């Protein structure tokens, strides 16, 4: 059972959405007083404005559900608002002009399961922003999007290939002491027990 709260820009839209959603099995549409317990918050607004963003931030701040996700049905959302919204739990965006309740419920269920429901243009904006952060912010500091330094990723990749520290040092033109220090600092920072654990962590996290 998915607990869902409806937040709309006007009462008629909100009441209509509540009535329609109650027809779908597996959804528990919460009352206004219970909104903070929602697994998914459905927000409906013609256009995302600063007022919308403040409301979204308030919804996120009051939430008692650690995995709460927001599905937004709107006619337009700008890039600056999009990035702020993602920070506050936005995981689904649907364009108002071609949304149906069947599609909205599909998005709600996807978000409740930890997924996302984003149209291609929104996905493109988020990828472009990620690339810009990597290029303009992380790369000058020698970091990657994983939070690891470039040389840490290089060392882990070679460890995963079965090389020992002597071979890695030779391959990367570092001293063996430097390689050991890179590994030690990284493992302490991430709370990893040993080199095998570090490689496993990197693989699970998609760093390699």
C-alpha atoms as a PDB file:
ATOM      1  CA  UNK A   1       0.000   0.000   0.000  1.00  0.00           C
ATOM      2  CA  UNK A   2       1.411   3.371  -1.074  1.00  0.00           C
ATOM      3  CA  UNK A   3       0.510   6.376   1.068  1.00  0.00           C
ATOM      4  CA  UNK A   4       0.026   9.421  -1.136  1.00  0.00           C
ATOM      5  CA  UNK A   5      -0.654  13.082  -0.386  1.00  0.00           C
ATOM      6  CA  UNK A   6      -2.061  15.537  -2.918  1.00  0.00           C
ATOM      7  CA  UNK A   7      -0.908  19.165  -2.961  1.00  0.00           C
ATOM      8  CA  UNK A   8      -2.522  21.334  -5.621  1.00  0.00           C
ATOM      9  CA  UNK A   9      -2.500  24.991  -6.558  1.00  0.00           C
ATOM     10  CA  UNK A  10      -6.259  25.274  -6.104  1.00  0.00           C
ATOM     11  CA  UNK A  11      -8.900  23.360  -4.091  1.00  0.00           C
ATOM     12  CA  UNK A  12     -10.928  22.159  -7.092  1.00  0.00           C
ATOM     13  CA  UNK A  13      -7.891  20.516  -8.703  1.00  0.00           C
ATOM     14  CA  UNK A  14      -6.819  19.021  -5.386  1.00  0.00           C
ATOM     15  CA  UNK A  15     -10.246  17.581  -4.540  1.00  0.00           C
ATOM     16  CA  UNK A  16     -10.620  16.181  -8.066  1.00  0.00           C
ATOM     17  CA  UNK A  17      -7.228  14.470  -7.834  1.00  0.00           C
ATOM     18  CA  UNK A  18      -8.061  12.950  -4.443  1.00  0.00           C
ATOM     19  CA  UNK A  19     -11.356  11.585  -5.779  1.00  0.00           C
ATOM     20  CA  UNK A  20      -9.706  10.053  -8.870  1.00  0.00           C
ATOM     21  CA  UNK A  21      -6.777   8.514  -6.970  1.00  0.00           C
ATOM     22  CA  UNK A  22      -9.068   6.785  -4.463  1.00  0.00           C
ATOM     23  CA  UNK A  23     -10.347   4.603  -7.320  1.00  0.00           C
ATOM     24  CA  UNK A  24      -6.943   2.945  -7.743  1.00  0.00           C
ATOM     25  CA  UNK A  25      -6.079  -0.166  -5.721  1.00  0.00           C
ATOM     26  CA  UNK A  26      -2.917  -0.062  -3.629  1.00  0.00           C
ATOM     27  CA  UNK A  27      -3.107   3.681  -2.939  1.00  0.00           C
ATOM     28  CA  UNK A  28      -3.890   5.174   0.450  1.00  0.00           C
ATOM     29  CA  UNK A  29      -4.813   8.811  -0.145  1.00  0.00           C
ATOM     30  CA  UNK A  30      -4.019  10.710   3.035  1.00  0.00           C
ATOM     31  CA  UNK A  31      -5.960  13.543   4.588  1.00  0.00           C
ATOM     32  CA  UNK A  32      -4.408  17.002   4.917  1.00  0.00           C
ATOM     33  CA  UNK A  33      -3.474  16.290   8.551  1.00  0.00           C
ATOM     34  CA  UNK A  34      -1.569  13.130   7.548  1.00  0.00           C
ATOM     35  CA  UNK A  35       0.431  14.543   4.631  1.00  0.00           C
ATOM     36  CA  UNK A  36       3.727  14.360   6.495  1.00  0.00           C
ATOM     37  CA  UNK A  37       3.479  10.542   6.517  1.00  0.00           C
ATOM     38  CA  UNK A  38       3.199  10.197   2.723  1.00  0.00           C
ATOM     39  CA  UNK A  39       5.472   7.899   0.745  1.00  0.00           C
ATOM     40  CA  UNK A  40       4.789  10.002  -2.350  1.00  0.00           C
ATOM     41  CA  UNK A  41       3.525  13.575  -2.639  1.00  0.00           C
ATOM     42  CA  UNK A  42       1.669  14.467  -5.834  1.00  0.00           C
ATOM     43  CA  UNK A  43       1.995  18.181  -6.584  1.00  0.00           C
ATOM     44  CA  UNK A  44      -0.187  19.725  -9.304  1.00  0.00           C
ATOM     45  CA  UNK A  45       0.420  23.263 -10.553  1.00  0.00           C
ATOM     46  CA  UNK A  46       0.123  25.009 -13.942  1.00  0.00           C
ATOM     47  CA  UNK A  47       3.656  26.405 -13.637  1.00  0.00           C
ATOM     48  CA  UNK A  48       6.439  26.102 -11.106  1.00  0.00           C
ATOM     49  CA  UNK A  49       7.003  29.446  -9.397  1.00  0.00           C
ATOM     50  CA  UNK A  50       8.952  30.547  -6.355  1.00  0.00           C
ATOM     51  CA  UNK A  51       5.787  30.009  -4.327  1.00  0.00           C
ATOM     52  CA  UNK A  52       5.660  26.422  -5.604  1.00  0.00           C
ATOM     53  CA  UNK A  53       9.249  25.896  -4.551  1.00  0.00           C
ATOM     54  CA  UNK A  54       8.645  27.224  -1.049  1.00  0.00           C
ATOM     55  CA  UNK A  55       5.676  24.871  -0.717  1.00  0.00           C
ATOM     56  CA  UNK A  56       7.766  21.935  -1.947  1.00  0.00           C
ATOM     57  CA  UNK A  57      10.522  22.762   0.537  1.00  0.00           C
ATOM     58  CA  UNK A  58       7.945  22.929   3.325  1.00  0.00           C
ATOM     59  CA  UNK A  59       6.525  19.539   2.310  1.00  0.00           C
ATOM     60  CA  UNK A  60      10.001  17.995   2.353  1.00  0.00           C
ATOM     61  CA  UNK A  61      10.866  19.567   5.721  1.00  0.00           C
ATOM     62  CA  UNK A  62       7.704  18.211   7.371  1.00  0.00           C
ATOM     63  CA  UNK A  63       8.000  14.707   5.947  1.00  0.00           C
ATOM     64  CA  UNK A  64       8.501  11.834   8.387  1.00  0.00           C
ATOM     65  CA  UNK A  65       9.163   9.347   5.572  1.00  0.00           C
ATOM     66  CA  UNK A  66      12.912   9.080   4.823  1.00  0.00           C
ATOM     67  CA  UNK A  67      12.278   7.909   1.264  1.00  0.00           C
ATOM     68  CA  UNK A  68       9.543  10.409   0.419  1.00  0.00           C
ATOM     69  CA  UNK A  69       9.424  11.266  -3.271  1.00  0.00           C
ATOM     70  CA  UNK A  70       7.583  14.016  -5.113  1.00  0.00           C
ATOM     71  CA  UNK A  71       5.751  13.621  -8.422  1.00  0.00           C
ATOM     72  CA  UNK A  72       5.120  16.977 -10.068  1.00  0.00           C
ATOM     73  CA  UNK A  73       2.410  17.553 -12.681  1.00  0.00           C
ATOM     74  CA  UNK A  74       2.987  20.937 -14.308  1.00  0.00           C
ATOM     75  CA  UNK A  75       3.070  22.859 -17.534  1.00  0.00           C
ATOM     76  CA  UNK A  76       6.601  24.155 -17.109  1.00  0.00           C
ATOM     77  CA  UNK A  77       9.578  24.014 -14.761  1.00  0.00           C
ATOM     78  CA  UNK A  78      12.750  26.049 -15.274  1.00  0.00           C
ATOM     79  CA  UNK A  79      16.236  24.609 -14.853  1.00  0.00           C
ATOM     80  CA  UNK A  80      16.979  26.509 -11.631  1.00  0.00           C
ATOM     81  CA  UNK A  81      13.728  25.335 -10.053  1.00  0.00           C
ATOM     82  CA  UNK A  82      14.320  21.782 -11.329  1.00  0.00           C
ATOM     83  CA  UNK A  83      17.650  21.478  -9.533  1.00  0.00           C
ATOM     84  CA  UNK A  84      16.219  22.839  -6.285  1.00  0.00           C
ATOM     85  CA  UNK A  85      13.241  20.512  -6.578  1.00  0.00           C
ATOM     86  CA  UNK A  86      15.447  17.439  -7.000  1.00  0.00           C
ATOM     87  CA  UNK A  87      17.263  18.447  -3.826  1.00  0.00           C
ATOM     88  CA  UNK A  88      13.934  18.384  -1.983  1.00  0.00           C
ATOM     89  CA  UNK A  89      12.793  14.995  -3.246  1.00  0.00           C
ATOM     90  CA  UNK A  90      11.479  15.493  -6.787  1.00  0.00           C
ATOM     91  CA  UNK A  91      11.609  12.159  -8.630  1.00  0.00           C
ATOM     92  CA  UNK A  92       8.820  12.483 -11.151  1.00  0.00           C
ATOM     93  CA  UNK A  93       7.797  15.185 -13.635  1.00  0.00           C
ATOM     94  CA  UNK A  94       4.766  14.959 -15.897  1.00  0.00           C
ATOM     95  CA  UNK A  95       3.508  17.554 -18.341  1.00  0.00           C
ATOM     96  CA  UNK A  96      -0.006  18.628 -17.491  1.00  0.00           C
ATOM     97  CA  UNK A  97      -1.264  18.778 -21.086  1.00  0.00           C
ATOM     98  CA  UNK A  98      -0.710  15.061 -21.747  1.00  0.00           C
ATOM     99  CA  UNK A  99      -1.092  13.528 -18.272  1.00  0.00           C
ATOM    100  CA  UNK A 100      -3.818  11.029 -17.410  1.00  0.00           C
ATOM    101  CA  UNK A 101      -4.468   9.550 -13.989  1.00  0.00           C
ATOM    102  CA  UNK A 102      -3.386   6.133 -15.241  1.00  0.00           C
ATOM    103  CA  UNK A 103      -0.008   7.601 -16.169  1.00  0.00           C
ATOM    104  CA  UNK A 104       0.206   9.598 -12.955  1.00  0.00           C
ATOM    105  CA  UNK A 105      -0.405   6.458 -10.898  1.00  0.00           C
ATOM    106  CA  UNK A 106       2.289   4.623 -12.876  1.00  0.00           C
ATOM    107  CA  UNK A 107       4.718   7.421 -11.988  1.00  0.00           C
ATOM    108  CA  UNK A 108       3.649   7.360  -8.328  1.00  0.00           C
ATOM    109  CA  UNK A 109       4.261   3.615  -8.131  1.00  0.00           C
ATOM    110  CA  UNK A 110       7.658   3.931  -9.827  1.00  0.00           C
ATOM    111  CA  UNK A 111       8.732   6.648  -7.383  1.00  0.00           C
ATOM    112  CA  UNK A 112       7.411   4.686  -4.386  1.00  0.00           C
ATOM    113  CA  UNK A 113       9.652   1.785  -5.459  1.00  0.00           C
ATOM    114  CA  UNK A 114      12.702   4.059  -5.493  1.00  0.00           C
ATOM    115  CA  UNK A 115      12.669   4.813  -9.216  1.00  0.00           C
ATOM    116  CA  UNK A 116      12.048   7.966 -11.175  1.00  0.00           C
ATOM    117  CA  UNK A 117       9.649   9.148 -13.870  1.00  0.00           C
ATOM    118  CA  UNK A 118      11.216  11.975 -15.843  1.00  0.00           C
ATOM    119  CA  UNK A 119      10.530  13.055 -19.445  1.00  0.00           C
ATOM    120  CA  UNK A 120      13.570  13.039 -21.792  1.00  0.00           C
ATOM    121  CA  UNK A 121      14.071  16.852 -21.777  1.00  0.00           C
ATOM    122  CA  UNK A 122      14.241  16.852 -17.973  1.00  0.00           C
ATOM    123  CA  UNK A 123      16.649  13.918 -17.988  1.00  0.00           C
ATOM    124  CA  UNK A 124      18.805  15.836 -20.465  1.00  0.00           C
ATOM    125  CA  UNK A 125      18.874  18.939 -18.265  1.00  0.00           C
ATOM    126  CA  UNK A 126      19.951  16.905 -15.240  1.00  0.00           C
ATOM    127  CA  UNK A 127      22.693  15.105 -17.197  1.00  0.00           C
ATOM    128  CA  UNK A 128      23.940  18.426 -18.610  1.00  0.00           C
ATOM    129  CA  UNK A 129      24.079  19.851 -15.086  1.00  0.00           C
ATOM    130  CA  UNK A 130      25.978  16.809 -13.803  1.00  0.00           C
ATOM    131  CA  UNK A 131      28.508  17.154 -16.624  1.00  0.00           C
ATOM    132  CA  UNK A 132      28.908  20.868 -15.907  1.00  0.00           C
ATOM    133  CA  UNK A 133      29.555  20.172 -12.224  1.00  0.00           C
ATOM    134  CA  UNK A 134      32.140  17.545 -13.175  1.00  0.00           C
ATOM    135  CA  UNK A 135      33.834  19.863 -15.669  1.00  0.00           C
ATOM    136  CA  UNK A 136      33.729  23.177 -13.790  1.00  0.00           C
ATOM    137  CA  UNK A 137      33.757  22.185 -10.116  1.00  0.00           C
ATOM    138  CA  UNK A 138      35.088  18.679  -9.524  1.00  0.00           C
ATOM    139  CA  UNK A 139      37.688  18.273 -12.266  1.00  0.00           C
ATOM    140  CA  UNK A 140      39.703  21.380 -11.236  1.00  0.00           C
ATOM    141  CA  UNK A 141      39.909  19.842  -7.742  1.00  0.00           C
ATOM    142  CA  UNK A 142      40.979  16.447  -9.097  1.00  0.00           C
ATOM    143  CA  UNK A 143      37.669  14.848  -8.037  1.00  0.00           C
ATOM    144  CA  UNK A 144      35.147  12.710  -9.873  1.00  0.00           C
ATOM    145  CA  UNK A 145      31.342  12.609  -9.526  1.00  0.00           C
ATOM    146  CA  UNK A 146      31.768   9.623  -7.198  1.00  0.00           C
ATOM    147  CA  UNK A 147      33.530  11.841  -4.646  1.00  0.00           C
ATOM    148  CA  UNK A 148      36.827  10.053  -5.236  1.00  0.00           C
ATOM    149  CA  UNK A 149      39.964  11.677  -6.539  1.00  0.00           C
ATOM    150  CA  UNK A 150      40.915  10.779 -10.095  1.00  0.00           C
ATOM    151  CA  UNK A 151      44.058   9.030  -8.881  1.00  0.00           C
ATOM    152  CA  UNK A 152      42.041   7.051  -6.310  1.00  0.00           C
ATOM    153  CA  UNK A 153      39.820   5.744  -9.108  1.00  0.00           C
ATOM    154  CA  UNK A 154      42.926   4.878 -11.148  1.00  0.00           C
ATOM    155  CA  UNK A 155      44.401   2.901  -8.242  1.00  0.00           C
ATOM    156  CA  UNK A 156      41.148   1.059  -7.558  1.00  0.00           C
ATOM    157  CA  UNK A 157      40.745   0.169 -11.221  1.00  0.00           C
ATOM    158  CA  UNK A 158      44.210  -1.402 -11.310  1.00  0.00           C
ATOM    159  CA  UNK A 159      43.586  -3.213  -8.022  1.00  0.00           C
ATOM    160  CA  UNK A 160      40.436  -4.670  -9.560  1.00  0.00           C
ATOM    161  CA  UNK A 161      42.550  -5.929 -12.458  1.00  0.00           C
ATOM    162  CA  UNK A 162      44.681  -7.899  -9.987  1.00  0.00           C
ATOM    163  CA  UNK A 163      47.794  -5.704  -9.831  1.00  0.00           C
ATOM    164  CA  UNK A 164      49.677  -5.327  -6.545  1.00  0.00           C
ATOM    165  CA  UNK A 165      50.934  -2.008  -5.171  1.00  0.00           C
ATOM    166  CA  UNK A 166      54.368  -2.372  -6.767  1.00  0.00           C
ATOM    167  CA  UNK A 167      52.839  -2.945 -10.213  1.00  0.00           C
ATOM    168  CA  UNK A 168      50.367  -0.100  -9.728  1.00  0.00           C
ATOM    169  CA  UNK A 169      53.160   2.276  -8.729  1.00  0.00           C
ATOM    170  CA  UNK A 170      55.102   1.361 -11.854  1.00  0.00           C
ATOM    171  CA  UNK A 171      52.020   1.722 -14.061  1.00  0.00           C
ATOM    172  CA  UNK A 172      51.051   5.157 -12.686  1.00  0.00           C
ATOM    173  CA  UNK A 173      54.616   6.475 -12.230  1.00  0.00           C
ATOM    174  CA  UNK A 174      54.199   6.882  -8.465  1.00  0.00           C
ATOM    175  CA  UNK A 175      56.285   5.467  -5.657  1.00  0.00           C
ATOM    176  CA  UNK A 176      54.858   2.408  -3.911  1.00  0.00           C
ATOM    177  CA  UNK A 177      54.683   4.452  -0.723  1.00  0.00           C
ATOM    178  CA  UNK A 178      52.434   6.994  -2.502  1.00  0.00           C
ATOM    179  CA  UNK A 179      50.117   4.225  -3.710  1.00  0.00           C
ATOM    180  CA  UNK A 180      49.820   2.808  -0.197  1.00  0.00           C
ATOM    181  CA  UNK A 181      49.130   6.275   1.160  1.00  0.00           C
ATOM    182  CA  UNK A 182      46.412   6.912  -1.451  1.00  0.00           C
ATOM    183  CA  UNK A 183      44.737   3.641  -0.465  1.00  0.00           C
ATOM    184  CA  UNK A 184      45.058   4.299   3.256  1.00  0.00           C
ATOM    185  CA  UNK A 185      43.590   7.810   3.085  1.00  0.00           C
ATOM    186  CA  UNK A 186      40.718   6.665   0.869  1.00  0.00           C
ATOM    187  CA  UNK A 187      39.843   3.638   3.015  1.00  0.00           C
ATOM    188  CA  UNK A 188      39.892   5.696   6.222  1.00  0.00           C
ATOM    189  CA  UNK A 189      37.663   8.344   4.655  1.00  0.00           C
ATOM    190  CA  UNK A 190      35.115   5.803   3.416  1.00  0.00           C
ATOM    191  CA  UNK A 191      35.332   3.459   6.415  1.00  0.00           C
ATOM    192  CA  UNK A 192      36.569   0.501   4.325  1.00  0.00           C
ATOM    193  CA  UNK A 193      38.281  -2.451   6.005  1.00  0.00           C
ATOM    194  CA  UNK A 194      40.802  -3.506   3.370  1.00  0.00           C
ATOM    195  CA  UNK A 195      41.656  -3.315  -0.310  1.00  0.00           C
ATOM    196  CA  UNK A 196      39.214  -6.066  -1.273  1.00  0.00           C
ATOM    197  CA  UNK A 197      36.458  -4.165   0.495  1.00  0.00           C
ATOM    198  CA  UNK A 198      37.511  -0.975  -1.334  1.00  0.00           C
ATOM    199  CA  UNK A 199      37.295  -2.648  -4.748  1.00  0.00           C
ATOM    200  CA  UNK A 200      33.928  -4.219  -3.889  1.00  0.00           C
ATOM    201  CA  UNK A 201      32.625  -0.835  -2.700  1.00  0.00           C
ATOM    202  CA  UNK A 202      33.770   0.866  -5.902  1.00  0.00           C
ATOM    203  CA  UNK A 203      32.135  -1.794  -8.086  1.00  0.00           C
ATOM    204  CA  UNK A 204      28.834  -1.671  -6.187  1.00  0.00           C
ATOM    205  CA  UNK A 205      28.809   2.117  -6.345  1.00  0.00           C
ATOM    206  CA  UNK A 206      29.459   2.206 -10.088  1.00  0.00           C
ATOM    207  CA  UNK A 207      32.808   3.941  -9.715  1.00  0.00           C
ATOM    208  CA  UNK A 208      34.569   1.322 -11.852  1.00  0.00           C
END
